[in-house]
Amino acid sequence: MKVELFYTPGCARCAAAHAALKPTAEQPTDGLVWRALNILAEIDYAVGLGVLTVPAIAIDGELVFSALPTTHQLRAELMRRIVKEA
């Protein structure tokens, strides 16, 4: 499973999201790939996914959170996908 956090450099909210959400994502998921993507460098990819604001989170190439989720929301979405795959 691949989780991508879209951010902009200097965004305090984005930095806080990265610090809080990365450990949450890695907890329940073996083999998880976490990518932090600078939206300015990945603008075409971000627009293709529908990212309009940051921070935003895509899972496996699908924009899942267009606004910052809580750790509980992210964990619940990851667990839902893990169960679905099993």
C-alpha atoms as a PDB file:
ATOM      1  CA  MET A   1       0.000   0.000   0.000  1.00  0.00           C
ATOM      2  CA  LYS A   2       1.293   3.467  -0.875  1.00  0.00           C
ATOM      3  CA  VAL A   3       0.322   6.567   1.108  1.00  0.00           C
ATOM      4  CA  GLU A   4       1.239   9.955  -0.334  1.00  0.00           C
ATOM      5  CA  LEU A   5       1.118  13.196   1.634  1.00  0.00           C
ATOM      6  CA  PHE A   6       1.050  16.299  -0.557  1.00  0.00           C
ATOM      7  CA  TYR A   7       2.628  19.358   1.053  1.00  0.00           C
ATOM      8  CA  THR A   8       4.217  22.704   0.283  1.00  0.00           C
ATOM      9  CA  PRO A   9       7.588  23.748   1.690  1.00  0.00           C
ATOM     10  CA  GLY A  10       7.282  26.033   4.708  1.00  0.00           C
ATOM     11  CA  CYS A  11       3.723  24.934   5.490  1.00  0.00           C
ATOM     12  CA  ALA A  12       3.578  24.440   9.269  1.00  0.00           C
ATOM     13  CA  ARG A  13       0.303  22.521   9.002  1.00  0.00           C
ATOM     14  CA  CYS A  14       1.867  20.169   6.440  1.00  0.00           C
ATOM     15  CA  ALA A  15       4.895  19.535   8.669  1.00  0.00           C
ATOM     16  CA  ALA A  16       2.623  18.795  11.624  1.00  0.00           C
ATOM     17  CA  ALA A  17       0.546  16.436   9.488  1.00  0.00           C
ATOM     18  CA  HIS A  18       3.662  14.563   8.392  1.00  0.00           C
ATOM     19  CA  ALA A  19       4.910  14.238  11.977  1.00  0.00           C
ATOM     20  CA  ALA A  20       1.559  12.968  13.267  1.00  0.00           C
ATOM     21  CA  LEU A  21       0.276  10.861  10.398  1.00  0.00           C
ATOM     22  CA  LYS A  22       3.352   8.967   9.193  1.00  0.00           C
ATOM     23  CA  PRO A  23       3.726   6.933  12.428  1.00  0.00           C
ATOM     24  CA  THR A  24      -0.038   6.320  12.443  1.00  0.00           C
ATOM     25  CA  ALA A  25       0.061   5.002   8.880  1.00  0.00           C
ATOM     26  CA  GLU A  26       3.046   2.765   9.503  1.00  0.00           C
ATOM     27  CA  GLN A  27       1.581   1.139  12.627  1.00  0.00           C
ATOM     28  CA  PRO A  28      -1.114  -1.141  11.196  1.00  0.00           C
ATOM     29  CA  THR A  29       0.400  -1.721   7.778  1.00  0.00           C
ATOM     30  CA  ASP A  30       3.322  -3.975   6.917  1.00  0.00           C
ATOM     31  CA  GLY A  31       4.997  -3.050   3.657  1.00  0.00           C
ATOM     32  CA  LEU A  32       3.510   0.439   3.594  1.00  0.00           C
ATOM     33  CA  VAL A  33       5.299   2.969   1.413  1.00  0.00           C
ATOM     34  CA  TRP A  34       5.027   6.552   2.732  1.00  0.00           C
ATOM     35  CA  ARG A  35       5.847   9.368   0.332  1.00  0.00           C
ATOM     36  CA  ALA A  36       5.856  13.052   1.146  1.00  0.00           C
ATOM     37  CA  LEU A  37       5.408  14.907  -2.144  1.00  0.00           C
ATOM     38  CA  ASN A  38       6.159  18.585  -2.630  1.00  0.00           C
ATOM     39  CA  ILE A  39       3.115  19.678  -4.608  1.00  0.00           C
ATOM     40  CA  LEU A  40       5.178  22.330  -6.405  1.00  0.00           C
ATOM     41  CA  ALA A  41       7.502  19.652  -7.795  1.00  0.00           C
ATOM     42  CA  GLU A  42       4.694  17.151  -8.477  1.00  0.00           C
ATOM     43  CA  ILE A  43       2.005  19.559  -9.703  1.00  0.00           C
ATOM     44  CA  ASP A  44       0.925  17.521 -12.738  1.00  0.00           C
ATOM     45  CA  TYR A  45       0.518  14.354 -10.674  1.00  0.00           C
ATOM     46  CA  ALA A  46      -1.295  16.252  -7.899  1.00  0.00           C
ATOM     47  CA  VAL A  47      -3.705  17.923 -10.321  1.00  0.00           C
ATOM     48  CA  GLY A  48      -4.359  14.584 -11.983  1.00  0.00           C
ATOM     49  CA  LEU A  49      -5.449  13.185  -8.629  1.00  0.00           C
ATOM     50  CA  GLY A  50      -7.612  16.219  -7.887  1.00  0.00           C
ATOM     51  CA  VAL A  51      -5.499  17.757  -5.130  1.00  0.00           C
ATOM     52  CA  LEU A  52      -6.658  21.350  -4.651  1.00  0.00           C
ATOM     53  CA  THR A  53      -5.316  22.129  -1.170  1.00  0.00           C
ATOM     54  CA  VAL A  54      -2.543  20.884   1.078  1.00  0.00           C
ATOM     55  CA  PRO A  55      -2.023  18.873   3.072  1.00  0.00           C
ATOM     56  CA  ALA A  56      -3.861  16.156   1.176  1.00  0.00           C
ATOM     57  CA  ILE A  57      -3.474  12.380   1.235  1.00  0.00           C
ATOM     58  CA  ALA A  58      -3.718   9.839  -1.553  1.00  0.00           C
ATOM     59  CA  ILE A  59      -3.726   6.094  -0.993  1.00  0.00           C
ATOM     60  CA  ASP A  60      -2.701   3.806  -3.833  1.00  0.00           C
ATOM     61  CA  GLY A  61      -3.047   6.615  -6.382  1.00  0.00           C
ATOM     62  CA  GLU A  62      -6.515   7.743  -5.238  1.00  0.00           C
ATOM     63  CA  LEU A  63      -7.151  11.054  -3.461  1.00  0.00           C
ATOM     64  CA  VAL A  64      -8.761   9.938  -0.211  1.00  0.00           C
ATOM     65  CA  PHE A  65      -8.396  12.988   2.026  1.00  0.00           C
ATOM     66  CA  SER A  66      -8.584  16.374   0.330  1.00  0.00           C
ATOM     67  CA  ALA A  67      -8.353  17.960   3.773  1.00  0.00           C
ATOM     68  CA  LEU A  68      -6.203  16.961   6.708  1.00  0.00           C
ATOM     69  CA  PRO A  69      -7.582  13.814   8.377  1.00  0.00           C
ATOM     70  CA  THR A  70      -7.259  13.006  12.038  1.00  0.00           C
ATOM     71  CA  THR A  71      -5.009  10.115  12.999  1.00  0.00           C
ATOM     72  CA  HIS A  72      -8.159   8.115  13.763  1.00  0.00           C
ATOM     73  CA  GLN A  73      -9.613   8.788  10.298  1.00  0.00           C
ATOM     74  CA  LEU A  74      -6.384   7.766   8.563  1.00  0.00           C
ATOM     75  CA  ARG A  75      -6.025   4.616  10.645  1.00  0.00           C
ATOM     76  CA  ALA A  76      -9.674   3.660   9.980  1.00  0.00           C
ATOM     77  CA  GLU A  77      -9.253   4.107   6.216  1.00  0.00           C
ATOM     78  CA  LEU A  78      -6.061   2.050   6.170  1.00  0.00           C
ATOM     79  CA  MET A  79      -7.681  -0.727   8.210  1.00  0.00           C
ATOM     80  CA  ARG A  80     -10.705  -0.739   5.882  1.00  0.00           C
ATOM     81  CA  ARG A  81      -8.391  -1.225   2.914  1.00  0.00           C
ATOM     82  CA  ILE A  82      -6.373  -3.947   4.656  1.00  0.00           C
ATOM     83  CA  VAL A  83      -9.553  -5.904   5.455  1.00  0.00           C
ATOM     84  CA  LYS A  84     -10.816  -5.417   1.891  1.00  0.00           C
ATOM     85  CA  GLU A  85      -7.549  -6.838   0.486  1.00  0.00           C
ATOM     86  CA  ALA A  86      -7.641  -9.901   2.730  1.00  0.00           C
END
